[in-house]
Amino acid sequence: LSPAGERDVVLWATPGTVRSGIYQAGLNQAFNSAVTEQQQPSVSALITSVKEGNIAEASASVYSLVAQLTQSPTSCEATPTVIVACTDINPALLAAGATKAGPCLLKLETVLLVDSAACLAAAVVSRVQM
């Protein structure tokens, strides 16, 4: 990711995770923003669709969310990076055509998505191997 202050970051997570502030604590220190309030209802609906097994509907929600990010002005010139902080979102990302862009990273159109679960798993494996 870009150095501090050069990129906006958006958090896609359950309302409980957002309320906990666990991601925002670190993200707010390093990046311009951490949560997009107007996207939260759509993110919650996306998670519900996946849990109900409706991947096609969830995939359509991903496209809508990505379109919002690529069309909405942010404090930076670049499209925001999305922190995917819910494993239920991953099947919808893959169904929408997201492709691997590096360790823990996916890309859909111009949006970079950080798979927090994959990053956590990689960090845990790295610690165990020390």
Foldseek 3Di string as FASTA:
>chain_A
DDWAAAAAEAEQDAPVVVVVCPVVVVDVVTYDYYHDVVCHVLSNVLLVCLVVVNLVVSLVSVVVVQVCQVPDDDPHPARHEYEYPDPSSVSSCVVNPWDDDDQQWTDDDRYIYGDVVSVVVVVVVVVVVD
